[in-house]
Amino acid sequence: MATQVDESTVKLDPKVVGNAFAEQYYNTLSKSPELLHNFYNDASLIGRPGSDGSVSPISTLEVSFV
């Protein structure tokens, strides 16, 4: 008998998720760098630590003002 899991109650360890992402990202980077765009979408943000230790989100898209 199959067991159904309510995905809204599944708790994932952020370290496990981060490690899985990093492993897949760097494997793709080394083997198929032309596919790296698949890791990002229009709403993607990256965090950069500042000199004071705070992290600021930065968009991965180029913004042009017309």
PDB file of N, CA and C in Angstrom:
ATOM      1  N   MET A   1       0.834  -1.171   0.000  1.00  0.00           N
ATOM      2  CA  MET A   1       0.000   0.000   0.000  1.00  0.00           C
ATOM      3  C   MET A   1       0.889   1.249   0.000  1.00  0.00           C
ATOM      4  N   ALA A   2       0.658   2.154  -0.927  1.00  0.00           N
ATOM      5  CA  ALA A   2       1.454   3.376  -1.040  1.00  0.00           C
ATOM      6  C   ALA A   2       1.057   4.368   0.045  1.00  0.00           C
ATOM      7  N   THR A   3       2.055   5.082   0.542  1.00  0.00           N
ATOM      8  CA  THR A   3       1.816   6.098   1.555  1.00  0.00           C
ATOM      9  C   THR A   3       1.905   7.467   0.906  1.00  0.00           C
ATOM     10  N   GLN A   4       0.894   8.306   1.139  1.00  0.00           N
ATOM     11  CA  GLN A   4       0.920   9.662   0.616  1.00  0.00           C
ATOM     12  C   GLN A   4       1.546  10.585   1.655  1.00  0.00           C
ATOM     13  N   VAL A   5       2.338  11.544   1.180  1.00  0.00           N
ATOM     14  CA  VAL A   5       2.977  12.521   2.049  1.00  0.00           C
ATOM     15  C   VAL A   5       2.444  13.892   1.702  1.00  0.00           C
ATOM     16  N   ASP A   6       1.976  14.606   2.704  1.00  0.00           N
ATOM     17  CA  ASP A   6       1.530  15.983   2.500  1.00  0.00           C
ATOM     18  C   ASP A   6       2.784  16.849   2.425  1.00  0.00           C
ATOM     19  N   GLU A   7       3.112  17.335   1.215  1.00  0.00           N
ATOM     20  CA  GLU A   7       4.354  18.085   1.008  1.00  0.00           C
ATOM     21  C   GLU A   7       4.422  19.367   1.820  1.00  0.00           C
ATOM     22  N   SER A   8       3.293  19.916   2.242  1.00  0.00           N
ATOM     23  CA  SER A   8       3.310  21.148   3.025  1.00  0.00           C
ATOM     24  C   SER A   8       3.828  20.911   4.440  1.00  0.00           C
ATOM     25  N   THR A   9       3.903  19.649   4.879  1.00  0.00           N
ATOM     26  CA  THR A   9       4.380  19.361   6.232  1.00  0.00           C
ATOM     27  C   THR A   9       5.783  18.771   6.251  1.00  0.00           C
ATOM     28  N   VAL A  10       6.390  18.568   5.091  1.00  0.00           N
ATOM     29  CA  VAL A  10       7.732  17.999   5.028  1.00  0.00           C
ATOM     30  C   VAL A  10       8.743  19.076   5.401  1.00  0.00           C
ATOM     31  N   LYS A  11       9.592  18.779   6.382  1.00  0.00           N
ATOM     32  CA  LYS A  11      10.632  19.721   6.809  1.00  0.00           C
ATOM     33  C   LYS A  11      11.960  19.267   6.218  1.00  0.00           C
ATOM     34  N   LEU A  12      12.597  20.160   5.471  1.00  0.00           N
ATOM     35  CA  LEU A  12      13.887  19.855   4.869  1.00  0.00           C
ATOM     36  C   LEU A  12      14.981  20.627   5.593  1.00  0.00           C
ATOM     37  N   ASP A  13      16.076  19.962   5.821  1.00  0.00           N
ATOM     38  CA  ASP A  13      17.229  20.603   6.453  1.00  0.00           C
ATOM     39  C   ASP A  13      17.876  21.538   5.423  1.00  0.00           C
ATOM     40  N   PRO A  14      17.985  22.834   5.718  1.00  0.00           N
ATOM     41  CA  PRO A  14      18.584  23.778   4.759  1.00  0.00           C
ATOM     42  C   PRO A  14      19.995  23.375   4.325  1.00  0.00           C
ATOM     43  N   LYS A  15      20.755  22.752   5.200  1.00  0.00           N
ATOM     44  CA  LYS A  15      22.113  22.316   4.830  1.00  0.00           C
ATOM     45  C   LYS A  15      22.069  21.213   3.776  1.00  0.00           C
ATOM     46  N   VAL A  16      21.116  20.306   3.909  1.00  0.00           N
ATOM     47  CA  VAL A  16      20.969  19.224   2.932  1.00  0.00           C
ATOM     48  C   VAL A  16      20.566  19.800   1.577  1.00  0.00           C
ATOM     49  N   VAL A  17      19.609  20.732   1.580  1.00  0.00           N
ATOM     50  CA  VAL A  17      19.160  21.367   0.337  1.00  0.00           C
ATOM     51  C   VAL A  17      20.318  22.140  -0.305  1.00  0.00           C
ATOM     52  N   GLY A  18      21.039  22.921   0.493  1.00  0.00           N
ATOM     53  CA  GLY A  18      22.163  23.703  -0.027  1.00  0.00           C
ATOM     54  C   GLY A  18      23.260  22.833  -0.598  1.00  0.00           C
ATOM     55  N   ASN A  19      23.579  21.749   0.104  1.00  0.00           N
ATOM     56  CA  ASN A  19      24.618  20.836  -0.385  1.00  0.00           C
ATOM     57  C   ASN A  19      24.206  20.148  -1.680  1.00  0.00           C
ATOM     58  N   ALA A  20      22.930  19.752  -1.777  1.00  0.00           N
ATOM     59  CA  ALA A  20      22.442  19.114  -3.002  1.00  0.00           C
ATOM     60  C   ALA A  20      22.494  20.101  -4.168  1.00  0.00           C
ATOM     61  N   PHE A  21      22.071  21.353  -3.911  1.00  0.00           N
ATOM     62  CA  PHE A  21      22.130  22.366  -4.960  1.00  0.00           C
ATOM     63  C   PHE A  21      23.575  22.590  -5.413  1.00  0.00           C
ATOM     64  N   ALA A  22      24.478  22.776  -4.456  1.00  0.00           N
ATOM     65  CA  ALA A  22      25.884  23.048  -4.800  1.00  0.00           C
ATOM     66  C   ALA A  22      26.488  21.892  -5.594  1.00  0.00           C
ATOM     67  N   GLU A  23      26.190  20.672  -5.194  1.00  0.00           N
ATOM     68  CA  GLU A  23      26.724  19.509  -5.908  1.00  0.00           C
ATOM     69  C   GLU A  23      26.224  19.479  -7.355  1.00  0.00           C
ATOM     70  N   GLN A  24      24.924  19.682  -7.541  1.00  0.00           N
ATOM     71  CA  GLN A  24      24.367  19.677  -8.894  1.00  0.00           C
ATOM     72  C   GLN A  24      24.894  20.856  -9.713  1.00  0.00           C
ATOM     73  N   TYR A  25      25.001  22.026  -9.084  1.00  0.00           N
ATOM     74  CA  TYR A  25      25.472  23.223  -9.786  1.00  0.00           C
ATOM     75  C   TYR A  25      26.912  23.024 -10.281  1.00  0.00           C
ATOM     76  N   TYR A  26      27.798  22.592  -9.398  1.00  0.00           N
ATOM     77  CA  TYR A  26      29.202  22.465  -9.792  1.00  0.00           C
ATOM     78  C   TYR A  26      29.445  21.284 -10.718  1.00  0.00           C
ATOM     79  N   ASN A  27      28.642  20.229 -10.619  1.00  0.00           N
ATOM     80  CA  ASN A  27      28.740  19.148 -11.605  1.00  0.00           C
ATOM     81  C   ASN A  27      28.346  19.662 -12.983  1.00  0.00           C
ATOM     82  N   THR A  28      27.265  20.447 -13.040  1.00  0.00           N
ATOM     83  CA  THR A  28      26.832  21.024 -14.310  1.00  0.00           C
ATOM     84  C   THR A  28      27.867  22.015 -14.828  1.00  0.00           C
ATOM     85  N   LEU A  29      28.420  22.826 -13.947  1.00  0.00           N
ATOM     86  CA  LEU A  29      29.444  23.804 -14.340  1.00  0.00           C
ATOM     87  C   LEU A  29      30.636  23.112 -14.993  1.00  0.00           C
ATOM     88  N   SER A  30      31.064  21.985 -14.423  1.00  0.00           N
ATOM     89  CA  SER A  30      32.255  21.316 -14.955  1.00  0.00           C
ATOM     90  C   SER A  30      31.966  20.469 -16.193  1.00  0.00           C
ATOM     91  N   LYS A  31      30.749  19.921 -16.305  1.00  0.00           N
ATOM     92  CA  LYS A  31      30.461  19.005 -17.404  1.00  0.00           C
ATOM     93  C   LYS A  31      29.652  19.631 -18.540  1.00  0.00           C
ATOM     94  N   SER A  32      28.741  20.549 -18.216  1.00  0.00           N
ATOM     95  CA  SER A  32      27.855  21.149 -19.229  1.00  0.00           C
ATOM     96  C   SER A  32      27.549  22.601 -18.878  1.00  0.00           C
ATOM     97  N   PRO A  33      28.549  23.478 -18.907  1.00  0.00           N
ATOM     98  CA  PRO A  33      28.327  24.866 -18.478  1.00  0.00           C
ATOM     99  C   PRO A  33      27.249  25.592 -19.285  1.00  0.00           C
ATOM    100  N   GLU A  34      26.981  25.139 -20.493  1.00  0.00           N
ATOM    101  CA  GLU A  34      25.943  25.784 -21.301  1.00  0.00           C
ATOM    102  C   GLU A  34      24.543  25.568 -20.721  1.00  0.00           C
ATOM    103  N   LEU A  35      24.409  24.679 -19.747  1.00  0.00           N
ATOM    104  CA  LEU A  35      23.113  24.404 -19.124  1.00  0.00           C
ATOM    105  C   LEU A  35      22.905  25.134 -17.794  1.00  0.00           C
ATOM    106  N   LEU A  36      23.878  25.933 -17.364  1.00  0.00           N
ATOM    107  CA  LEU A  36      23.764  26.608 -16.070  1.00  0.00           C
ATOM    108  C   LEU A  36      22.572  27.546 -15.986  1.00  0.00           C
ATOM    109  N   HIS A  37      22.123  28.067 -17.115  1.00  0.00           N
ATOM    110  CA  HIS A  37      20.962  28.972 -17.091  1.00  0.00           C
ATOM    111  C   HIS A  37      19.730  28.281 -16.509  1.00  0.00           C
ATOM    112  N   ASN A  38      19.692  26.966 -16.518  1.00  0.00           N
ATOM    113  CA  ASN A  38      18.546  26.233 -15.973  1.00  0.00           C
ATOM    114  C   ASN A  38      18.429  26.358 -14.454  1.00  0.00           C
ATOM    115  N   PHE A  39      19.470  26.813 -13.793  1.00  0.00           N
ATOM    116  CA  PHE A  39      19.434  26.982 -12.344  1.00  0.00           C
ATOM    117  C   PHE A  39      18.795  28.311 -11.940  1.00  0.00           C
ATOM    118  N   TYR A  40      18.521  29.171 -12.899  1.00  0.00           N
ATOM    119  CA  TYR A  40      18.022  30.510 -12.599  1.00  0.00           C
ATOM    120  C   TYR A  40      16.706  30.775 -13.312  1.00  0.00           C
ATOM    121  N   ASN A  41      15.936  31.726 -12.764  1.00  0.00           N
ATOM    122  CA  ASN A  41      14.734  32.204 -13.432  1.00  0.00           C
ATOM    123  C   ASN A  41      14.641  33.707 -13.226  1.00  0.00           C
ATOM    124  N   ASP A  42      13.566  34.316 -13.692  1.00  0.00           N
ATOM    125  CA  ASP A  42      13.433  35.776 -13.621  1.00  0.00           C
ATOM    126  C   ASP A  42      13.466  36.320 -12.197  1.00  0.00           C
ATOM    127  N   ALA A  43      13.097  35.505 -11.233  1.00  0.00           N
ATOM    128  CA  ALA A  43      13.039  35.973  -9.848  1.00  0.00           C
ATOM    129  C   ALA A  43      14.262  35.547  -9.033  1.00  0.00           C
ATOM    130  N   SER A  44      15.298  35.032  -9.675  1.00  0.00           N
ATOM    131  CA  SER A  44      16.469  34.548  -8.949  1.00  0.00           C
ATOM    132  C   SER A  44      17.236  35.685  -8.284  1.00  0.00           C
ATOM    133  N   LEU A  45      17.630  35.450  -7.065  1.00  0.00           N
ATOM    134  CA  LEU A  45      18.459  36.394  -6.316  1.00  0.00           C
ATOM    135  C   LEU A  45      19.642  35.643  -5.730  1.00  0.00           C
ATOM    136  N   ILE A  46      20.765  36.330  -5.627  1.00  0.00           N
ATOM    137  CA  ILE A  46      21.919  35.776  -4.933  1.00  0.00           C
ATOM    138  C   ILE A  46      22.240  36.702  -3.771  1.00  0.00           C
ATOM    139  N   GLY A  47      22.899  36.181  -2.775  1.00  0.00           N
ATOM    140  CA  GLY A  47      23.271  37.001  -1.625  1.00  0.00           C
ATOM    141  C   GLY A  47      24.761  37.232  -1.592  1.00  0.00           C
ATOM    142  N   ARG A  48      25.139  38.451  -1.335  1.00  0.00           N
ATOM    143  CA  ARG A  48      26.550  38.816  -1.207  1.00  0.00           C
ATOM    144  C   ARG A  48      26.771  39.409   0.178  1.00  0.00           C
ATOM    145  N   PRO A  49      27.720  38.855   0.939  1.00  0.00           N
ATOM    146  CA  PRO A  49      27.977  39.432   2.260  1.00  0.00           C
ATOM    147  C   PRO A  49      28.726  40.754   2.145  1.00  0.00           C
ATOM    148  N   GLY A  50      28.299  41.723   2.944  1.00  0.00           N
ATOM    149  CA  GLY A  50      28.972  43.009   2.988  1.00  0.00           C
ATOM    150  C   GLY A  50      30.114  42.977   3.994  1.00  0.00           C
ATOM    151  N   SER A  51      30.871  44.048   4.064  1.00  0.00           N
ATOM    152  CA  SER A  51      32.015  44.104   4.979  1.00  0.00           C
ATOM    153  C   SER A  51      31.581  44.063   6.439  1.00  0.00           C
ATOM    154  N   ASP A  52      30.309  44.436   6.704  1.00  0.00           N
ATOM    155  CA  ASP A  52      29.799  44.399   8.075  1.00  0.00           C
ATOM    156  C   ASP A  52      29.141  43.062   8.419  1.00  0.00           C
ATOM    157  N   GLY A  53      29.163  42.100   7.467  1.00  0.00           N
ATOM    158  CA  GLY A  53      28.596  40.783   7.717  1.00  0.00           C
ATOM    159  C   GLY A  53      27.158  40.630   7.286  1.00  0.00           C
ATOM    160  N   SER A  54      26.492  41.727   6.941  1.00  0.00           N
ATOM    161  CA  SER A  54      25.105  41.629   6.490  1.00  0.00           C
ATOM    162  C   SER A  54      25.075  41.117   5.047  1.00  0.00           C
ATOM    163  N   VAL A  55      24.002  40.428   4.690  1.00  0.00           N
ATOM    164  CA  VAL A  55      23.864  39.877   3.346  1.00  0.00           C
ATOM    165  C   VAL A  55      22.798  40.663   2.598  1.00  0.00           C
ATOM    166  N   SER A  56      23.160  41.126   1.411  1.00  0.00           N
ATOM    167  CA  SER A  56      22.232  41.878   0.571  1.00  0.00           C
ATOM    168  C   SER A  56      21.868  41.052  -0.654  1.00  0.00           C
ATOM    169  N   PRO A  57      20.566  40.936  -0.963  1.00  0.00           N
ATOM    170  CA  PRO A  57      20.171  40.199  -2.165  1.00  0.00           C
ATOM    171  C   PRO A  57      20.441  41.012  -3.426  1.00  0.00           C
ATOM    172  N   ILE A  58      20.891  40.321  -4.466  1.00  0.00           N
ATOM    173  CA  ILE A  58      21.201  40.955  -5.739  1.00  0.00           C
ATOM    174  C   ILE A  58      20.521  40.151  -6.833  1.00  0.00           C
ATOM    175  N   SER A  59      19.851  40.824  -7.760  1.00  0.00           N
ATOM    176  CA  SER A  59      19.191  40.146  -8.873  1.00  0.00           C
ATOM    177  C   SER A  59      20.229  39.618  -9.845  1.00  0.00           C
ATOM    178  N   THR A  60      19.938  38.471 -10.456  1.00  0.00           N
ATOM    179  CA  THR A  60      20.852  37.903 -11.435  1.00  0.00           C
ATOM    180  C   THR A  60      20.575  38.406 -12.844  1.00  0.00           C
ATOM    181  N   LEU A  61      19.510  39.209 -12.985  1.00  0.00           N
ATOM    182  CA  LEU A  61      19.173  39.725 -14.302  1.00  0.00           C
ATOM    183  C   LEU A  61      19.798  41.090 -14.546  1.00  0.00           C
ATOM    184  N   GLU A  62      20.175  41.336 -15.773  1.00  0.00           N
ATOM    185  CA  GLU A  62      20.637  42.665 -16.142  1.00  0.00           C
ATOM    186  C   GLU A  62      19.427  43.572 -16.273  1.00  0.00           C
ATOM    187  N   VAL A  63      19.478  44.709 -15.650  1.00  0.00           N
ATOM    188  CA  VAL A  63      18.361  45.643 -15.700  1.00  0.00           C
ATOM    189  C   VAL A  63      18.744  46.779 -16.635  1.00  0.00           C
ATOM    190  N   SER A  64      17.866  47.050 -17.601  1.00  0.00           N
ATOM    191  CA  SER A  64      18.129  48.184 -18.497  1.00  0.00           C
ATOM    192  C   SER A  64      17.010  49.189 -18.336  1.00  0.00           C
ATOM    193  N   PHE A  65      17.380  50.437 -18.285  1.00  0.00           N
ATOM    194  CA  PHE A  65      16.412  51.517 -18.137  1.00  0.00           C
ATOM    195  C   PHE A  65      16.276  52.210 -19.475  1.00  0.00           C
ATOM    196  N   VAL A  66      15.065  52.289 -19.964  1.00  0.00           N
ATOM    197  CA  VAL A  66      14.811  52.923 -21.265  1.00  0.00           C
ATOM    198  C   VAL A  66      14.023  54.178 -21.067  1.00  0.00           C
TER     199      VAL A  66
END
